[in-house]
Amino acid sequence: MFSGIVAGVGRIVSRTKRGRGARIRLAPPRSQRAFSPGESVAIDGVCLTALRGGRLFEADLSAETLARTTLGGLRAGDPVNVERSLRWGDRISGHFVLGHVDAVAPIRSVEASRGGGGTYRFGIPAGLGRYVVEKGSVALDGISLTVSRRHARDFEVAVIPETLRRTALGRKRAGAKVNFEADVFARYGRARGVARVRRDARRR
C-alpha cells in the first residue's frame, strides 16, 4: 500500500530479459535507506518486490507487468519515481494507492504556468472513464494527483512546481505515456453502487 507521495527520482541501472519477463536494477534517490529483501516498492506506480537487500533495488517484472505498464520500455539511465510502502502509523498525505496499474495513459498536452507548475492533459484509457471524475484522485506514474477538469476522452491535472521537482513527470512531454491507476474508492464505490442498483431492480 502506498500514498502516491513520491520520495524522489531513481535511475535505472540495467534491464535484462528473463524468459517472458525481465529483471531491473535501479539506484534510488540518495535520501533513501537501504532496501530489505521482500520489501514492496512502487516504481513509476508499479508495486514491485525487492529481491535482495542493499542500496540498489532489484526486482523481477512479469510478462503481465511488461504488457500493462510502461516498465517494458525502460532502459538504463531512465529516471523513475520511487516510493517505499506505507508503515503503520504513517501520515497519508495523498490517497491510497495499491501499485496495481490499470493501463497506460498518453500525455495529450503540457501547458506551463507561471511559477514553474503546469497543466497536464491525459487521455483516458479504454473502459476506465467511469473512475475519472472532477476533484477525484488518480495515480499517474505513482503520483497522487487530483483531476481538475474532465472531458469526454481525456482529463487534466494541475501540477505544482514541488511535484515536478520531486518526480520524473516534469521530464515527460506530449506523446509520452504514464501508468494509470484508478482511485480504489472510486472503483469499489462504483462497483457497490452498481450491485445495489441491480439488487433493487430485481426486487421490483
C-alpha atoms as a PDB file:
ATOM      1  CA  MET A   1       0.000   0.000   0.000  1.00  0.00           C
ATOM      2  CA  PHE A   2       1.274   3.459  -0.962  1.00  0.00           C
ATOM      3  CA  SER A   3       0.051   7.041  -0.744  1.00  0.00           C
ATOM      4  CA  GLY A   4       1.237   8.478  -4.062  1.00  0.00           C
ATOM      5  CA  ILE A   5       3.732  10.815  -2.372  1.00  0.00           C
ATOM      6  CA  VAL A   6       6.886  10.066  -4.351  1.00  0.00           C
ATOM      7  CA  ALA A   7      10.101  10.067  -2.304  1.00  0.00           C
ATOM      8  CA  GLY A   8      12.267  11.068  -5.231  1.00  0.00           C
ATOM      9  CA  VAL A   9      13.638  10.032  -8.601  1.00  0.00           C
ATOM     10  CA  GLY A  10      15.802   6.954  -9.111  1.00  0.00           C
ATOM     11  CA  ARG A  11      17.749   5.823 -12.180  1.00  0.00           C
ATOM     12  CA  ILE A  12      17.577   2.511 -13.993  1.00  0.00           C
ATOM     13  CA  VAL A  13      20.987   0.807 -13.865  1.00  0.00           C
ATOM     14  CA  SER A  14      20.118  -2.188 -16.018  1.00  0.00           C
ATOM     15  CA  ARG A  15      17.239  -4.150 -17.513  1.00  0.00           C
ATOM     16  CA  THR A  16      17.739  -7.727 -18.639  1.00  0.00           C
ATOM     17  CA  LYS A  17      15.347 -10.166 -20.292  1.00  0.00           C
ATOM     18  CA  ARG A  18      14.402 -13.250 -18.262  1.00  0.00           C
ATOM     19  CA  GLY A  19      12.124 -15.590 -20.199  1.00  0.00           C
ATOM     20  CA  ARG A  20       8.873 -13.735 -20.914  1.00  0.00           C
ATOM     21  CA  GLY A  21       9.674 -11.250 -18.160  1.00  0.00           C
ATOM     22  CA  ALA A  22      12.611  -9.058 -17.195  1.00  0.00           C
ATOM     23  CA  ARG A  23      14.756  -8.001 -14.242  1.00  0.00           C
ATOM     24  CA  ILE A  24      15.605  -4.410 -13.414  1.00  0.00           C
ATOM     25  CA  ARG A  25      18.180  -2.817 -11.130  1.00  0.00           C
ATOM     26  CA  LEU A  26      17.973   0.819 -10.125  1.00  0.00           C
ATOM     27  CA  ALA A  27      19.794   3.334  -7.999  1.00  0.00           C
ATOM     28  CA  PRO A  28      17.307   5.079  -5.671  1.00  0.00           C
ATOM     29  CA  PRO A  29      17.323   8.723  -4.570  1.00  0.00           C
ATOM     30  CA  ARG A  30      20.266   9.457  -2.272  1.00  0.00           C
ATOM     31  CA  SER A  31      17.957  10.098   0.668  1.00  0.00           C
ATOM     32  CA  GLN A  32      16.597   6.533   0.609  1.00  0.00           C
ATOM     33  CA  ARG A  33      17.731   3.961   3.146  1.00  0.00           C
ATOM     34  CA  ALA A  34      18.901   0.505   2.073  1.00  0.00           C
ATOM     35  CA  PHE A  35      16.233  -1.878   0.804  1.00  0.00           C
ATOM     36  CA  SER A  36      15.185  -5.056   2.613  1.00  0.00           C
ATOM     37  CA  PRO A  37      14.595  -8.414   0.871  1.00  0.00           C
ATOM     38  CA  GLY A  38      10.885  -8.882   0.120  1.00  0.00           C
ATOM     39  CA  GLU A  39      10.074  -5.197   0.571  1.00  0.00           C
ATOM     40  CA  SER A  40       7.373  -3.678  -1.649  1.00  0.00           C
ATOM     41  CA  VAL A  41       8.445  -0.589  -3.593  1.00  0.00           C
ATOM     42  CA  ALA A  42       6.485   1.408  -6.173  1.00  0.00           C
ATOM     43  CA  ILE A  43       8.484   2.158  -9.319  1.00  0.00           C
ATOM     44  CA  ASP A  44       6.591   4.604 -11.541  1.00  0.00           C
ATOM     45  CA  GLY A  45       3.498   3.477  -9.657  1.00  0.00           C
ATOM     46  CA  VAL A  46       4.055  -0.259 -10.152  1.00  0.00           C
ATOM     47  CA  CYS A  47       4.338  -2.333  -6.968  1.00  0.00           C
ATOM     48  CA  LEU A  48       7.482  -4.490  -7.170  1.00  0.00           C
ATOM     49  CA  THR A  49       9.216  -6.778  -4.678  1.00  0.00           C
ATOM     50  CA  ALA A  50      12.863  -6.322  -3.712  1.00  0.00           C
ATOM     51  CA  LEU A  51      14.849  -9.475  -4.476  1.00  0.00           C
ATOM     52  CA  ARG A  52      17.657  -8.668  -2.042  1.00  0.00           C
ATOM     53  CA  GLY A  53      18.815  -6.060   0.408  1.00  0.00           C
ATOM     54  CA  GLY A  54      21.233  -3.211  -0.192  1.00  0.00           C
ATOM     55  CA  ARG A  55      21.419   0.208  -1.757  1.00  0.00           C
ATOM     56  CA  LEU A  56      20.492  -0.940  -5.276  1.00  0.00           C
ATOM     57  CA  PHE A  57      16.904  -2.047  -5.839  1.00  0.00           C
ATOM     58  CA  GLU A  58      16.487  -5.206  -7.897  1.00  0.00           C
ATOM     59  CA  ALA A  59      13.163  -6.743  -8.925  1.00  0.00           C
ATOM     60  CA  ASP A  60      11.633  -9.120 -11.434  1.00  0.00           C
ATOM     61  CA  LEU A  61       8.934  -7.967 -13.865  1.00  0.00           C
ATOM     62  CA  SER A  62       6.313 -10.451 -15.010  1.00  0.00           C
ATOM     63  CA  ALA A  63       5.031 -10.660 -18.579  1.00  0.00           C
ATOM     64  CA  GLU A  64       1.764  -9.082 -17.329  1.00  0.00           C
ATOM     65  CA  THR A  65       3.645  -6.113 -15.869  1.00  0.00           C
ATOM     66  CA  LEU A  66       5.565  -5.616 -19.103  1.00  0.00           C
ATOM     67  CA  ALA A  67       2.353  -5.724 -21.153  1.00  0.00           C
ATOM     68  CA  ARG A  68       0.210  -3.490 -18.919  1.00  0.00           C
ATOM     69  CA  THR A  69       2.678  -0.774 -17.815  1.00  0.00           C
ATOM     70  CA  THR A  70       5.415   1.464 -19.149  1.00  0.00           C
ATOM     71  CA  LEU A  71       8.121  -0.552 -17.409  1.00  0.00           C
ATOM     72  CA  GLY A  72       8.568  -2.695 -20.508  1.00  0.00           C
ATOM     73  CA  GLY A  73      10.154   0.268 -22.262  1.00  0.00           C
ATOM     74  CA  LEU A  74      12.670   1.179 -19.557  1.00  0.00           C
ATOM     75  CA  ARG A  75      16.339   1.481 -20.462  1.00  0.00           C
ATOM     76  CA  ALA A  76      19.500   2.081 -18.481  1.00  0.00           C
ATOM     77  CA  GLY A  77      19.669   5.706 -17.362  1.00  0.00           C
ATOM     78  CA  ASP A  78      15.906   6.315 -17.429  1.00  0.00           C
ATOM     79  CA  PRO A  79      14.509   8.278 -14.445  1.00  0.00           C
ATOM     80  CA  VAL A  80      11.699   6.651 -12.444  1.00  0.00           C
ATOM     81  CA  ASN A  81       9.557   7.648  -9.482  1.00  0.00           C
ATOM     82  CA  VAL A  82      10.312   5.740  -6.278  1.00  0.00           C
ATOM     83  CA  GLU A  83       8.030   5.332  -3.259  1.00  0.00           C
ATOM     84  CA  ARG A  84       8.507   2.996  -0.300  1.00  0.00           C
ATOM     85  CA  SER A  85       5.423   1.214   1.030  1.00  0.00           C
ATOM     86  CA  LEU A  86       3.497   2.735   3.927  1.00  0.00           C
ATOM     87  CA  ARG A  87       4.230   1.715   7.500  1.00  0.00           C
ATOM     88  CA  TRP A  88       1.621   1.512  10.247  1.00  0.00           C
ATOM     89  CA  GLY A  89       1.086   5.000  11.640  1.00  0.00           C
ATOM     90  CA  ASP A  90       2.414   6.881   8.589  1.00  0.00           C
ATOM     91  CA  ARG A  91       0.644  10.077   7.603  1.00  0.00           C
ATOM     92  CA  ILE A  92      -1.486   9.707   4.452  1.00  0.00           C
ATOM     93  CA  SER A  93      -0.796  12.893   2.510  1.00  0.00           C
ATOM     94  CA  GLY A  94      -2.054  11.681  -0.859  1.00  0.00           C
ATOM     95  CA  HIS A  95      -4.590   8.865  -1.338  1.00  0.00           C
ATOM     96  CA  PHE A  96      -4.482   5.088  -1.059  1.00  0.00           C
ATOM     97  CA  VAL A  97      -2.521   3.682  -3.993  1.00  0.00           C
ATOM     98  CA  LEU A  98      -2.183  -0.085  -4.456  1.00  0.00           C
ATOM     99  CA  GLY A  99       0.510  -0.123  -7.104  1.00  0.00           C
ATOM    100  CA  HIS A 100      -1.733  -2.252  -9.330  1.00  0.00           C
ATOM    101  CA  VAL A 101      -1.654  -0.317 -12.588  1.00  0.00           C
ATOM    102  CA  ASP A 102      -4.815  -0.495 -14.690  1.00  0.00           C
ATOM    103  CA  ALA A 103      -3.474   0.737 -18.009  1.00  0.00           C
ATOM    104  CA  VAL A 104      -1.179   3.203 -19.751  1.00  0.00           C
ATOM    105  CA  ALA A 105      -2.407   6.750 -20.422  1.00  0.00           C
ATOM    106  CA  PRO A 106      -0.912   9.079 -23.067  1.00  0.00           C
ATOM    107  CA  ILE A 107       0.018  12.680 -22.332  1.00  0.00           C
ATOM    108  CA  ARG A 108      -2.037  14.778 -24.757  1.00  0.00           C
ATOM    109  CA  SER A 109      -0.530  18.169 -23.923  1.00  0.00           C
ATOM    110  CA  VAL A 110       1.549  20.079 -21.386  1.00  0.00           C
ATOM    111  CA  GLU A 111       0.894  23.751 -20.680  1.00  0.00           C
ATOM    112  CA  ALA A 112       3.415  25.517 -18.471  1.00  0.00           C
ATOM    113  CA  SER A 113       2.122  28.021 -15.953  1.00  0.00           C
ATOM    114  CA  ARG A 114       3.677  30.895 -14.056  1.00  0.00           C
ATOM    115  CA  GLY A 115       5.789  29.841 -11.109  1.00  0.00           C
ATOM    116  CA  GLY A 116       7.033  26.609 -12.662  1.00  0.00           C
ATOM    117  CA  GLY A 117       3.949  24.404 -12.470  1.00  0.00           C
ATOM    118  CA  GLY A 118       1.797  23.262 -15.341  1.00  0.00           C
ATOM    119  CA  THR A 119      -1.434  21.740 -16.611  1.00  0.00           C
ATOM    120  CA  TYR A 120      -1.119  18.219 -17.986  1.00  0.00           C
ATOM    121  CA  ARG A 121      -3.803  16.669 -20.150  1.00  0.00           C
ATOM    122  CA  PHE A 122      -4.032  12.869 -20.309  1.00  0.00           C
ATOM    123  CA  GLY A 123      -6.063  10.512 -22.448  1.00  0.00           C
ATOM    124  CA  ILE A 124      -8.488   8.280 -20.556  1.00  0.00           C
ATOM    125  CA  PRO A 125      -7.662   4.572 -21.027  1.00  0.00           C
ATOM    126  CA  ALA A 126     -10.437   2.488 -22.572  1.00  0.00           C
ATOM    127  CA  GLY A 127     -13.042   1.268 -20.094  1.00  0.00           C
ATOM    128  CA  LEU A 128     -11.789   3.416 -17.191  1.00  0.00           C
ATOM    129  CA  GLY A 129     -13.635   6.663 -17.817  1.00  0.00           C
ATOM    130  CA  ARG A 130     -16.205   5.972 -15.099  1.00  0.00           C
ATOM    131  CA  TYR A 131     -13.448   6.254 -12.482  1.00  0.00           C
ATOM    132  CA  VAL A 132     -12.224   9.672 -13.629  1.00  0.00           C
ATOM    133  CA  VAL A 133     -14.249  12.476 -12.035  1.00  0.00           C
ATOM    134  CA  GLU A 134     -13.518  16.134 -11.369  1.00  0.00           C
ATOM    135  CA  LYS A 135     -11.878  16.668  -7.960  1.00  0.00           C
ATOM    136  CA  GLY A 136     -11.330  12.926  -7.700  1.00  0.00           C
ATOM    137  CA  SER A 137      -7.959  11.271  -7.171  1.00  0.00           C
ATOM    138  CA  VAL A 138      -5.870   9.386  -9.699  1.00  0.00           C
ATOM    139  CA  ALA A 139      -2.351   7.925  -9.591  1.00  0.00           C
ATOM    140  CA  LEU A 140      -0.160   8.688 -12.603  1.00  0.00           C
ATOM    141  CA  ASP A 141       3.292   7.072 -12.577  1.00  0.00           C
ATOM    142  CA  GLY A 142       2.610   6.582  -8.885  1.00  0.00           C
ATOM    143  CA  ILE A 143       1.947  10.281  -8.196  1.00  0.00           C
ATOM    144  CA  SER A 144      -1.220  11.142  -6.294  1.00  0.00           C
ATOM    145  CA  LEU A 145      -2.940  13.837  -8.357  1.00  0.00           C
ATOM    146  CA  THR A 146      -6.360  15.494  -8.446  1.00  0.00           C
ATOM    147  CA  VAL A 147      -8.462  15.692 -11.602  1.00  0.00           C
ATOM    148  CA  SER A 148      -9.015  19.400 -12.229  1.00  0.00           C
ATOM    149  CA  ARG A 149     -11.134  19.017 -15.333  1.00  0.00           C
ATOM    150  CA  ARG A 150     -12.858  16.097 -17.043  1.00  0.00           C
ATOM    151  CA  HIS A 151     -13.530  15.941 -20.775  1.00  0.00           C
ATOM    152  CA  ALA A 152     -15.185  13.279 -22.895  1.00  0.00           C
ATOM    153  CA  ARG A 153     -11.994  11.389 -23.740  1.00  0.00           C
ATOM    154  CA  ASP A 154      -9.340  12.976 -21.561  1.00  0.00           C
ATOM    155  CA  PHE A 155      -8.756  14.832 -18.306  1.00  0.00           C
ATOM    156  CA  GLU A 156      -6.487  17.492 -16.849  1.00  0.00           C
ATOM    157  CA  VAL A 157      -4.447  17.793 -13.685  1.00  0.00           C
ATOM    158  CA  ALA A 158      -2.776  20.919 -12.338  1.00  0.00           C
ATOM    159  CA  VAL A 159       0.756  20.038 -11.235  1.00  0.00           C
ATOM    160  CA  ILE A 160       2.581  22.251  -8.731  1.00  0.00           C
ATOM    161  CA  PRO A 161       6.324  23.036  -9.029  1.00  0.00           C
ATOM    162  CA  GLU A 162       7.182  20.889  -5.984  1.00  0.00           C
ATOM    163  CA  THR A 163       5.671  17.812  -7.634  1.00  0.00           C
ATOM    164  CA  LEU A 164       7.656  18.437 -10.804  1.00  0.00           C
ATOM    165  CA  ARG A 165      10.812  18.852  -8.734  1.00  0.00           C
ATOM    166  CA  ARG A 166      10.331  15.639  -6.761  1.00  0.00           C
ATOM    167  CA  THR A 167       9.178  13.390  -9.594  1.00  0.00           C
ATOM    168  CA  ALA A 168      10.079  12.429 -13.149  1.00  0.00           C
ATOM    169  CA  LEU A 169       6.824  13.823 -14.569  1.00  0.00           C
ATOM    170  CA  GLY A 170       8.439  17.156 -15.456  1.00  0.00           C
ATOM    171  CA  ARG A 171      10.773  15.324 -17.848  1.00  0.00           C
ATOM    172  CA  LYS A 172       7.888  13.990 -19.916  1.00  0.00           C
ATOM    173  CA  ARG A 173       6.286  15.777 -22.831  1.00  0.00           C
ATOM    174  CA  ALA A 174       3.227  15.356 -25.049  1.00  0.00           C
ATOM    175  CA  GLY A 175       3.260  11.915 -26.636  1.00  0.00           C
ATOM    176  CA  ALA A 176       4.857  10.179 -23.665  1.00  0.00           C
ATOM    177  CA  LYS A 177       2.902   7.629 -21.636  1.00  0.00           C
ATOM    178  CA  VAL A 178       2.308   7.174 -17.916  1.00  0.00           C
ATOM    179  CA  ASN A 179       0.993   4.389 -15.709  1.00  0.00           C
ATOM    180  CA  PHE A 180      -2.641   4.949 -14.726  1.00  0.00           C
ATOM    181  CA  GLU A 181      -4.242   3.591 -11.551  1.00  0.00           C
ATOM    182  CA  ALA A 182      -7.833   4.481 -10.709  1.00  0.00           C
ATOM    183  CA  ASP A 183      -8.705   5.545  -7.180  1.00  0.00           C
ATOM    184  CA  VAL A 184      -9.543   2.417  -5.208  1.00  0.00           C
ATOM    185  CA  PHE A 185     -12.529   4.126  -3.522  1.00  0.00           C
ATOM    186  CA  ALA A 186     -13.944   5.209  -6.882  1.00  0.00           C
ATOM    187  CA  ARG A 187     -13.552   1.670  -8.191  1.00  0.00           C
ATOM    188  CA  TYR A 188     -15.174  -0.192  -5.324  1.00  0.00           C
ATOM    189  CA  GLY A 189     -17.657   2.547  -4.541  1.00  0.00           C
ATOM    190  CA  ARG A 190     -18.986   2.368  -8.080  1.00  0.00           C
ATOM    191  CA  ALA A 191     -18.981  -1.434  -8.034  1.00  0.00           C
ATOM    192  CA  ARG A 192     -21.085  -1.432  -4.861  1.00  0.00           C
ATOM    193  CA  GLY A 193     -23.409   1.163  -6.369  1.00  0.00           C
ATOM    194  CA  VAL A 194     -23.955  -0.921  -9.493  1.00  0.00           C
ATOM    195  CA  ALA A 195     -24.563  -4.041  -7.409  1.00  0.00           C
ATOM    196  CA  ARG A 196     -27.118  -2.166  -5.276  1.00  0.00           C
ATOM    197  CA  VAL A 197     -28.966  -0.867  -8.345  1.00  0.00           C
ATOM    198  CA  ARG A 198     -29.138  -4.365  -9.798  1.00  0.00           C
ATOM    199  CA  ARG A 199     -30.327  -5.811  -6.490  1.00  0.00           C
ATOM    200  CA  ASP A 200     -33.030  -3.160  -6.165  1.00  0.00           C
ATOM    201  CA  ALA A 201     -34.130  -3.770  -9.745  1.00  0.00           C
ATOM    202  CA  ARG A 202     -34.604  -7.489  -9.039  1.00  0.00           C
ATOM    203  CA  ARG A 203     -36.790  -6.684  -6.032  1.00  0.00           C
ATOM    204  CA  ARG A 204     -39.214  -4.585  -8.049  1.00  0.00           C
END
